[in-house]
Amino acid sequence: MTFLTGLASQGYIVVANGGVAGFPVPSTPEQTIAHPEALLAAAHWATESNQARKQFDGRADTTRVGVLGHSCGGVEALAAGTDPMIDAVAGFNTGYLPDPFFGGFGRDRLAGLHTPTLLVNGGPDDVAYQNSIDNYALLDVPAVLAAHAPAGHVGLIAGLQATTGWQVAADWFDYVLRGDRTAGARFIGSDCGLCTEDGWTVESKGLPL
């Protein structure tokens, strides 16, 4: 919850599909099914429903929508990111496998992304480490690949580095959705903000310096 509440503290409306009652989840790609339609349903609810309009009382900017996910949820975010309503994508410890998994989602879907995309991994101990590298290489949209070696597969989401994780996500959305150049400076160039922090390596492409 630290990750989501931290992101929400920066002024973002966070709608999470799934929850504690849904655990434990299947642990292998063969058993796990991705549901990007759930992310899109949440986005449509937040931007279009009468309930959301009443709840947010006109304070929500419904023209700027990002999707984010971790592991299998990151596959959901990448898949949902091809929808025209999505303006930014972030995937933590994730990426499409070489062969279609998670219900038939393969790397060919990366070609459908149309917005800046952030991929974050937790270093060589992260089961998705190579996957994120391979997916980043295939992206034709502006993108960032960031690695935090001490974090492993879950550290940036639910571990000791979760505060760092949500701050990275918030900076990414601040940059892409809000045009915040100071936030963008954490990701871009050889002297980027994250590049100077212990344990981080960062690559970017297609983004203005």
C-alpha atoms as a PDB file:
ATOM      1  CA  MET A   1       0.000   0.000   0.000  1.00  0.00           C
ATOM      2  CA  THR A   2       2.967   2.361   0.508  1.00  0.00           C
ATOM      3  CA  PHE A   3       3.493   2.510  -3.253  1.00  0.00           C
ATOM      4  CA  LEU A   4      -0.113   3.365  -4.137  1.00  0.00           C
ATOM      5  CA  THR A   5      -0.711   5.799  -1.286  1.00  0.00           C
ATOM      6  CA  GLY A   6       2.587   7.507  -2.066  1.00  0.00           C
ATOM      7  CA  LEU A   7       1.581   7.959  -5.691  1.00  0.00           C
ATOM      8  CA  ALA A   8      -1.844   9.233  -4.638  1.00  0.00           C
ATOM      9  CA  SER A   9      -0.198  11.748  -2.301  1.00  0.00           C
ATOM     10  CA  GLN A  10       1.161  13.524  -5.387  1.00  0.00           C
ATOM     11  CA  GLY A  11      -2.318  14.402  -6.598  1.00  0.00           C
ATOM     12  CA  TYR A  12      -3.018  11.345  -8.725  1.00  0.00           C
ATOM     13  CA  ILE A  13      -6.287   9.445  -8.624  1.00  0.00           C
ATOM     14  CA  VAL A  14      -5.163   5.856  -8.170  1.00  0.00           C
ATOM     15  CA  VAL A  15      -7.619   3.132  -9.119  1.00  0.00           C
ATOM     16  CA  ALA A  16      -6.312  -0.364  -8.375  1.00  0.00           C
ATOM     17  CA  ASN A  17      -7.967  -3.450  -9.796  1.00  0.00           C
ATOM     18  CA  GLY A  18      -7.616  -6.470  -7.541  1.00  0.00           C
ATOM     19  CA  GLY A  19      -6.818  -6.443  -3.863  1.00  0.00           C
ATOM     20  CA  VAL A  20      -5.729  -8.335  -0.798  1.00  0.00           C
ATOM     21  CA  ALA A  21      -8.686 -10.685  -1.030  1.00  0.00           C
ATOM     22  CA  GLY A  22      -7.399 -11.803  -4.412  1.00  0.00           C
ATOM     23  CA  PHE A  23      -4.160 -13.275  -3.051  1.00  0.00           C
ATOM     24  CA  PRO A  24      -2.405 -15.614  -3.377  1.00  0.00           C
ATOM     25  CA  VAL A  25      -2.245 -15.369  -7.152  1.00  0.00           C
ATOM     26  CA  PRO A  26      -0.848 -18.050  -9.481  1.00  0.00           C
ATOM     27  CA  SER A  27       2.938 -17.855  -9.519  1.00  0.00           C
ATOM     28  CA  THR A  28       3.881 -18.871 -13.064  1.00  0.00           C
ATOM     29  CA  PRO A  29       3.167 -17.287 -16.461  1.00  0.00           C
ATOM     30  CA  GLU A  30       1.432 -20.484 -17.556  1.00  0.00           C
ATOM     31  CA  GLN A  31      -1.083 -20.147 -14.717  1.00  0.00           C
ATOM     32  CA  THR A  32      -1.541 -16.385 -14.764  1.00  0.00           C
ATOM     33  CA  ILE A  33      -3.916 -14.490 -17.062  1.00  0.00           C
ATOM     34  CA  ALA A  34      -3.449 -10.777 -17.701  1.00  0.00           C
ATOM     35  CA  HIS A  35      -6.569  -8.610 -17.775  1.00  0.00           C
ATOM     36  CA  PRO A  36      -5.745  -5.235 -19.358  1.00  0.00           C
ATOM     37  CA  GLU A  37      -9.462  -4.655 -19.803  1.00  0.00           C
ATOM     38  CA  ALA A  38      -9.690  -4.246 -16.016  1.00  0.00           C
ATOM     39  CA  LEU A  39      -7.221  -1.349 -16.112  1.00  0.00           C
ATOM     40  CA  LEU A  40      -9.129   0.255 -18.961  1.00  0.00           C
ATOM     41  CA  ALA A  41     -12.448  -0.219 -17.161  1.00  0.00           C
ATOM     42  CA  ALA A  42     -10.965   1.571 -14.140  1.00  0.00           C
ATOM     43  CA  ALA A  43      -9.752   4.415 -16.347  1.00  0.00           C
ATOM     44  CA  HIS A  44     -13.136   4.741 -18.022  1.00  0.00           C
ATOM     45  CA  TRP A  45     -14.836   4.775 -14.618  1.00  0.00           C
ATOM     46  CA  ALA A  46     -12.554   7.534 -13.342  1.00  0.00           C
ATOM     47  CA  THR A  47     -12.917   9.700 -16.432  1.00  0.00           C
ATOM     48  CA  GLU A  48     -16.480   9.091 -17.583  1.00  0.00           C
ATOM     49  CA  SER A  49     -18.783   7.780 -14.873  1.00  0.00           C
ATOM     50  CA  ASN A  50     -21.319   9.949 -13.084  1.00  0.00           C
ATOM     51  CA  GLN A  51     -20.152   8.453  -9.793  1.00  0.00           C
ATOM     52  CA  ALA A  52     -16.582   9.600 -10.387  1.00  0.00           C
ATOM     53  CA  ARG A  53     -17.699  13.067 -11.480  1.00  0.00           C
ATOM     54  CA  LYS A  54     -19.663  13.415  -8.257  1.00  0.00           C
ATOM     55  CA  GLN A  55     -16.893  12.006  -6.094  1.00  0.00           C
ATOM     56  CA  PHE A  56     -14.119  14.156  -7.585  1.00  0.00           C
ATOM     57  CA  ASP A  57     -16.324  17.237  -7.917  1.00  0.00           C
ATOM     58  CA  GLY A  58     -14.675  18.473 -11.111  1.00  0.00           C
ATOM     59  CA  ARG A  59     -11.157  18.332  -9.649  1.00  0.00           C
ATOM     60  CA  ALA A  60      -9.945  15.501 -11.864  1.00  0.00           C
ATOM     61  CA  ASP A  61      -8.189  16.142 -15.167  1.00  0.00           C
ATOM     62  CA  THR A  62      -9.766  13.400 -17.238  1.00  0.00           C
ATOM     63  CA  THR A  63      -7.649  14.194 -20.304  1.00  0.00           C
ATOM     64  CA  ARG A  64      -4.417  12.771 -18.847  1.00  0.00           C
ATOM     65  CA  VAL A  65      -4.458   9.078 -18.013  1.00  0.00           C
ATOM     66  CA  GLY A  66      -1.585   6.760 -17.155  1.00  0.00           C
ATOM     67  CA  VAL A  67      -1.431   3.031 -16.511  1.00  0.00           C
ATOM     68  CA  LEU A  68       1.056   1.266 -14.271  1.00  0.00           C
ATOM     69  CA  GLY A  69       1.567  -2.307 -13.213  1.00  0.00           C
ATOM     70  CA  HIS A  70       4.031  -4.687 -11.578  1.00  0.00           C
ATOM     71  CA  SER A  71       5.074  -8.104 -12.900  1.00  0.00           C
ATOM     72  CA  CYS A  72       1.961  -9.640 -14.528  1.00  0.00           C
ATOM     73  CA  GLY A  73       0.246  -6.341 -13.791  1.00  0.00           C
ATOM     74  CA  GLY A  74       2.961  -4.693 -15.834  1.00  0.00           C
ATOM     75  CA  VAL A  75       1.981  -6.862 -18.785  1.00  0.00           C
ATOM     76  CA  GLU A  76      -1.566  -5.604 -18.225  1.00  0.00           C
ATOM     77  CA  ALA A  77      -0.295  -2.025 -18.287  1.00  0.00           C
ATOM     78  CA  LEU A  78       1.675  -2.587 -21.480  1.00  0.00           C
ATOM     79  CA  ALA A  79      -1.344  -4.187 -23.111  1.00  0.00           C
ATOM     80  CA  ALA A  80      -3.740  -1.480 -21.899  1.00  0.00           C
ATOM     81  CA  GLY A  81      -1.279   1.155 -23.086  1.00  0.00           C
ATOM     82  CA  THR A  82      -2.224   0.516 -26.698  1.00  0.00           C
ATOM     83  CA  ASP A  83      -5.668   2.019 -26.046  1.00  0.00           C
ATOM     84  CA  PRO A  84      -6.072   5.568 -27.428  1.00  0.00           C
ATOM     85  CA  MET A  85      -7.212   6.944 -24.061  1.00  0.00           C
ATOM     86  CA  ILE A  86      -3.865   6.160 -22.403  1.00  0.00           C
ATOM     87  CA  ASP A  87      -1.242   8.918 -22.288  1.00  0.00           C
ATOM     88  CA  ALA A  88       1.597   7.298 -20.313  1.00  0.00           C
ATOM     89  CA  VAL A  89       2.715   3.764 -19.418  1.00  0.00           C
ATOM     90  CA  ALA A  90       4.887   2.478 -16.570  1.00  0.00           C
ATOM     91  CA  GLY A  91       5.826  -1.142 -15.983  1.00  0.00           C
ATOM     92  CA  PHE A  92       7.792  -2.346 -12.969  1.00  0.00           C
ATOM     93  CA  ASN A  93       9.630  -5.703 -13.014  1.00  0.00           C
ATOM     94  CA  THR A  94       7.838  -6.790 -16.127  1.00  0.00           C
ATOM     95  CA  GLY A  95       7.810  -7.304 -19.869  1.00  0.00           C
ATOM     96  CA  TYR A  96       6.373  -9.607 -22.476  1.00  0.00           C
ATOM     97  CA  LEU A  97       8.074 -12.997 -22.572  1.00  0.00           C
ATOM     98  CA  PRO A  98       9.633 -14.269 -25.847  1.00  0.00           C
ATOM     99  CA  ASP A  99       6.625 -16.521 -26.388  1.00  0.00           C
ATOM    100  CA  PRO A 100       3.054 -15.348 -25.684  1.00  0.00           C
ATOM    101  CA  PHE A 101       2.062 -15.987 -22.074  1.00  0.00           C
ATOM    102  CA  PHE A 102      -0.295 -14.501 -19.493  1.00  0.00           C
ATOM    103  CA  GLY A 103      -3.228 -15.412 -21.719  1.00  0.00           C
ATOM    104  CA  GLY A 104      -1.653 -14.976 -25.140  1.00  0.00           C
ATOM    105  CA  PHE A 105       0.093 -11.607 -24.813  1.00  0.00           C
ATOM    106  CA  GLY A 106       3.280 -11.435 -26.878  1.00  0.00           C
ATOM    107  CA  ARG A 107       5.957  -8.963 -27.813  1.00  0.00           C
ATOM    108  CA  ASP A 108       4.239  -8.094 -31.080  1.00  0.00           C
ATOM    109  CA  ARG A 109       1.897  -5.926 -28.980  1.00  0.00           C
ATOM    110  CA  LEU A 110       4.733  -3.539 -28.175  1.00  0.00           C
ATOM    111  CA  ALA A 111       4.313  -2.109 -31.666  1.00  0.00           C
ATOM    112  CA  GLY A 112       0.868  -0.851 -30.648  1.00  0.00           C
ATOM    113  CA  LEU A 113       2.156   1.443 -27.904  1.00  0.00           C
ATOM    114  CA  HIS A 114       1.831   5.128 -28.781  1.00  0.00           C
ATOM    115  CA  THR A 115       2.909   6.987 -25.639  1.00  0.00           C
ATOM    116  CA  PRO A 116       6.147   7.326 -23.622  1.00  0.00           C
ATOM    117  CA  THR A 117       6.859   4.132 -21.712  1.00  0.00           C
ATOM    118  CA  LEU A 118       8.894   3.520 -18.562  1.00  0.00           C
ATOM    119  CA  LEU A 119      10.278   0.077 -17.730  1.00  0.00           C
ATOM    120  CA  VAL A 120      11.886  -0.456 -14.330  1.00  0.00           C
ATOM    121  CA  ASN A 121      13.640  -3.593 -13.142  1.00  0.00           C
ATOM    122  CA  GLY A 122      15.322  -4.665  -9.922  1.00  0.00           C
ATOM    123  CA  GLY A 123      18.641  -5.780 -11.336  1.00  0.00           C
ATOM    124  CA  PRO A 124      19.936  -9.266 -12.204  1.00  0.00           C
ATOM    125  CA  ASP A 125      18.087 -10.882  -9.275  1.00  0.00           C
ATOM    126  CA  ASP A 126      14.774  -9.708 -10.737  1.00  0.00           C
ATOM    127  CA  VAL A 127      13.093 -12.537 -12.645  1.00  0.00           C
ATOM    128  CA  ALA A 128      11.934  -9.939 -15.187  1.00  0.00           C
ATOM    129  CA  TYR A 129      15.386  -8.339 -15.586  1.00  0.00           C
ATOM    130  CA  GLN A 130      16.215  -9.628 -19.076  1.00  0.00           C
ATOM    131  CA  ASN A 131      12.596  -9.330 -20.144  1.00  0.00           C
ATOM    132  CA  SER A 132      12.543  -5.610 -19.425  1.00  0.00           C
ATOM    133  CA  ILE A 133      15.809  -5.129 -21.341  1.00  0.00           C
ATOM    134  CA  ASP A 134      14.509  -7.049 -24.353  1.00  0.00           C
ATOM    135  CA  ASN A 135      11.178  -5.200 -24.322  1.00  0.00           C
ATOM    136  CA  TYR A 136      12.900  -1.823 -24.091  1.00  0.00           C
ATOM    137  CA  ALA A 137      15.029  -2.650 -27.141  1.00  0.00           C
ATOM    138  CA  LEU A 138      11.864  -3.362 -29.138  1.00  0.00           C
ATOM    139  CA  LEU A 139      10.023  -0.158 -28.205  1.00  0.00           C
ATOM    140  CA  ASP A 140       9.530   2.396 -30.987  1.00  0.00           C
ATOM    141  CA  VAL A 141       8.039   5.026 -28.657  1.00  0.00           C
ATOM    142  CA  PRO A 142       9.994   7.398 -26.382  1.00  0.00           C
ATOM    143  CA  ALA A 143      11.101   5.210 -23.500  1.00  0.00           C
ATOM    144  CA  VAL A 144      13.206   4.814 -20.387  1.00  0.00           C
ATOM    145  CA  LEU A 145      14.779   1.668 -18.980  1.00  0.00           C
ATOM    146  CA  ALA A 146      15.752   2.098 -15.332  1.00  0.00           C
ATOM    147  CA  ALA A 147      17.361  -0.565 -13.144  1.00  0.00           C
ATOM    148  CA  HIS A 148      17.808  -0.530  -9.372  1.00  0.00           C
ATOM    149  CA  ALA A 149      20.070  -3.459  -8.661  1.00  0.00           C
ATOM    150  CA  PRO A 150      19.353  -3.893  -4.919  1.00  0.00           C
ATOM    151  CA  ALA A 151      15.574  -4.122  -5.354  1.00  0.00           C
ATOM    152  CA  GLY A 152      15.057  -7.538  -6.911  1.00  0.00           C
ATOM    153  CA  HIS A 153      11.581  -8.373  -8.171  1.00  0.00           C
ATOM    154  CA  VAL A 154       9.431  -6.743  -5.484  1.00  0.00           C
ATOM    155  CA  GLY A 155      11.595  -4.267  -3.579  1.00  0.00           C
ATOM    156  CA  LEU A 156      10.412  -1.158  -5.421  1.00  0.00           C
ATOM    157  CA  ILE A 157       6.752  -2.105  -5.035  1.00  0.00           C
ATOM    158  CA  ALA A 158       6.373  -3.782  -1.672  1.00  0.00           C
ATOM    159  CA  GLY A 159       9.819  -3.901  -0.110  1.00  0.00           C
ATOM    160  CA  LEU A 160      12.299  -1.571   1.531  1.00  0.00           C
ATOM    161  CA  GLN A 161      12.613   0.514  -1.628  1.00  0.00           C
ATOM    162  CA  ALA A 162       8.857   1.079  -2.106  1.00  0.00           C
ATOM    163  CA  THR A 163       9.132   4.775  -1.269  1.00  0.00           C
ATOM    164  CA  THR A 164      11.780   5.143  -3.952  1.00  0.00           C
ATOM    165  CA  GLY A 165       9.542   3.158  -6.311  1.00  0.00           C
ATOM    166  CA  TRP A 166       6.506   5.397  -6.028  1.00  0.00           C
ATOM    167  CA  GLN A 167       8.670   8.488  -6.290  1.00  0.00           C
ATOM    168  CA  VAL A 168      10.079   7.221  -9.590  1.00  0.00           C
ATOM    169  CA  ALA A 169       6.551   6.477 -10.834  1.00  0.00           C
ATOM    170  CA  ALA A 170       5.309   9.905  -9.738  1.00  0.00           C
ATOM    171  CA  ASP A 171       8.212  11.645 -11.457  1.00  0.00           C
ATOM    172  CA  TRP A 172       7.514   9.713 -14.653  1.00  0.00           C
ATOM    173  CA  PHE A 173       3.857  10.683 -14.667  1.00  0.00           C
ATOM    174  CA  ASP A 174       4.723  14.264 -13.678  1.00  0.00           C
ATOM    175  CA  TYR A 175       7.022  14.441 -16.685  1.00  0.00           C
ATOM    176  CA  VAL A 176       4.799  12.773 -19.263  1.00  0.00           C
ATOM    177  CA  LEU A 177       1.338  13.827 -18.102  1.00  0.00           C
ATOM    178  CA  ARG A 178       2.142  17.238 -16.622  1.00  0.00           C
ATOM    179  CA  GLY A 179       5.118  18.304 -18.711  1.00  0.00           C
ATOM    180  CA  ASP A 180       7.320  18.783 -15.651  1.00  0.00           C
ATOM    181  CA  ARG A 181      10.871  19.142 -17.001  1.00  0.00           C
ATOM    182  CA  THR A 182      12.400  18.935 -13.525  1.00  0.00           C
ATOM    183  CA  ALA A 183      10.804  15.513 -13.080  1.00  0.00           C
ATOM    184  CA  GLY A 184      11.931  14.540 -16.574  1.00  0.00           C
ATOM    185  CA  ALA A 185      15.523  15.396 -15.711  1.00  0.00           C
ATOM    186  CA  ARG A 186      15.585  12.370 -13.414  1.00  0.00           C
ATOM    187  CA  PHE A 187      15.442  10.109 -16.483  1.00  0.00           C
ATOM    188  CA  ILE A 188      17.160  11.851 -19.394  1.00  0.00           C
ATOM    189  CA  GLY A 189      20.832  12.221 -20.265  1.00  0.00           C
ATOM    190  CA  SER A 190      24.059  10.747 -18.932  1.00  0.00           C
ATOM    191  CA  ASP A 191      23.836  13.012 -15.887  1.00  0.00           C
ATOM    192  CA  CYS A 192      20.175  12.324 -15.139  1.00  0.00           C
ATOM    193  CA  GLY A 193      19.001  12.539 -11.548  1.00  0.00           C
ATOM    194  CA  LEU A 194      18.503   8.808 -11.113  1.00  0.00           C
ATOM    195  CA  CYS A 195      21.868   8.133 -12.770  1.00  0.00           C
ATOM    196  CA  THR A 196      23.612   9.800  -9.837  1.00  0.00           C
ATOM    197  CA  GLU A 197      21.796   7.794  -7.170  1.00  0.00           C
ATOM    198  CA  ASP A 198      23.391   4.669  -5.724  1.00  0.00           C
ATOM    199  CA  GLY A 199      22.334   1.443  -7.361  1.00  0.00           C
ATOM    200  CA  TRP A 200      20.593   2.986 -10.382  1.00  0.00           C
ATOM    201  CA  THR A 201      21.378   2.706 -14.078  1.00  0.00           C
ATOM    202  CA  VAL A 202      19.218   4.485 -16.659  1.00  0.00           C
ATOM    203  CA  GLU A 203      18.859   4.424 -20.444  1.00  0.00           C
ATOM    204  CA  SER A 204      16.497   6.568 -22.471  1.00  0.00           C
ATOM    205  CA  LYS A 205      15.555   7.047 -26.099  1.00  0.00           C
ATOM    206  CA  GLY A 206      13.369   9.400 -28.057  1.00  0.00           C
ATOM    207  CA  LEU A 207      12.970  11.854 -25.177  1.00  0.00           C
ATOM    208  CA  PRO A 208      14.140  15.503 -25.395  1.00  0.00           C
ATOM    209  CA  LEU A 209      17.204  16.434 -23.380  1.00  0.00           C
END
